[in-house]
Amino acid sequence: MRNILMTVMLLVVAVLLFNAVIAQDGTGTQAQIQMQGNAANSRIGALNP
């Protein structure tokens, strides 16, 4: 029973950390990657052959 409780608590902590670090709106890692990708796409699109 204790092992199951520890496993569930570990999963809850992992989900909370994921939401706090990766999926946070505007300032999370996912938003930073999208912002950098959009900037790179804009620079590539602005290149003239």
C-alpha atoms as a PDB file:
ATOM      1  CA  MET A   1       0.000   0.000   0.000  1.00  0.00           C
ATOM      2  CA  ARG A   2       2.841   2.358   0.842  1.00  0.00           C
ATOM      3  CA  ASN A   3       4.503   1.714  -2.512  1.00  0.00           C
ATOM      4  CA  ILE A   4       1.315   2.599  -4.370  1.00  0.00           C
ATOM      5  CA  LEU A   5       0.963   5.817  -2.384  1.00  0.00           C
ATOM      6  CA  MET A   6       4.560   6.815  -3.102  1.00  0.00           C
ATOM      7  CA  THR A   7       4.093   6.082  -6.801  1.00  0.00           C
ATOM      8  CA  VAL A   8       0.916   8.161  -6.988  1.00  0.00           C
ATOM      9  CA  MET A   9       2.565  11.036  -5.132  1.00  0.00           C
ATOM     10  CA  LEU A  10       5.553  10.907  -7.467  1.00  0.00           C
ATOM     11  CA  LEU A  11       3.270  11.037 -10.499  1.00  0.00           C
ATOM     12  CA  VAL A  12       1.384  14.007  -9.045  1.00  0.00           C
ATOM     13  CA  VAL A  13       4.643  15.872  -8.447  1.00  0.00           C
ATOM     14  CA  ALA A  14       5.807  15.090 -11.980  1.00  0.00           C
ATOM     15  CA  VAL A  15       2.560  16.434 -13.459  1.00  0.00           C
ATOM     16  CA  LEU A  16       2.727  19.580 -11.337  1.00  0.00           C
ATOM     17  CA  LEU A  17       6.341  20.209 -12.349  1.00  0.00           C
ATOM     18  CA  PHE A  18       5.466  19.659 -16.003  1.00  0.00           C
ATOM     19  CA  ASN A  19       2.647  22.192 -15.784  1.00  0.00           C
ATOM     20  CA  ALA A  20       4.824  24.711 -13.951  1.00  0.00           C
ATOM     21  CA  VAL A  21       7.861  24.455 -16.223  1.00  0.00           C
ATOM     22  CA  ILE A  22       6.805  23.286 -19.670  1.00  0.00           C
ATOM     23  CA  ALA A  23       3.174  24.195 -20.230  1.00  0.00           C
ATOM     24  CA  GLN A  24       2.951  27.527 -18.398  1.00  0.00           C
ATOM     25  CA  ASP A  25       1.129  30.062 -20.580  1.00  0.00           C
ATOM     26  CA  GLY A  26       3.347  32.757 -22.044  1.00  0.00           C
ATOM     27  CA  THR A  27       6.526  32.010 -20.113  1.00  0.00           C
ATOM     28  CA  GLY A  28       6.887  28.232 -20.187  1.00  0.00           C
ATOM     29  CA  THR A  29       9.374  26.282 -22.229  1.00  0.00           C
ATOM     30  CA  GLN A  30       6.770  25.450 -24.875  1.00  0.00           C
ATOM     31  CA  ALA A  31       5.946  29.151 -25.373  1.00  0.00           C
ATOM     32  CA  GLN A  32       9.647  30.031 -25.569  1.00  0.00           C
ATOM     33  CA  ILE A  33      10.261  27.369 -28.243  1.00  0.00           C
ATOM     34  CA  GLN A  34       7.280  28.584 -30.262  1.00  0.00           C
ATOM     35  CA  MET A  35       8.426  32.197 -30.007  1.00  0.00           C
ATOM     36  CA  GLN A  36      11.953  31.322 -31.165  1.00  0.00           C
ATOM     37  CA  GLY A  37      10.564  29.181 -34.002  1.00  0.00           C
ATOM     38  CA  ASN A  38       8.307  31.988 -35.172  1.00  0.00           C
ATOM     39  CA  ALA A  39      11.226  34.431 -35.098  1.00  0.00           C
ATOM     40  CA  ALA A  40      13.362  32.023 -37.126  1.00  0.00           C
ATOM     41  CA  ASN A  41      10.548  31.535 -39.646  1.00  0.00           C
ATOM     42  CA  SER A  42      10.191  35.298 -40.011  1.00  0.00           C
ATOM     43  CA  ARG A  43      13.932  35.729 -40.613  1.00  0.00           C
ATOM     44  CA  ILE A  44      13.989  32.904 -43.145  1.00  0.00           C
ATOM     45  CA  GLY A  45      10.918  34.335 -44.890  1.00  0.00           C
ATOM     46  CA  ALA A  46      12.571  37.745 -45.113  1.00  0.00           C
ATOM     47  CA  LEU A  47      15.565  36.394 -47.035  1.00  0.00           C
ATOM     48  CA  ASN A  48      15.585  37.445 -50.676  1.00  0.00           C
ATOM     49  CA  PRO A  49      17.022  35.063 -53.252  1.00  0.00           C
END
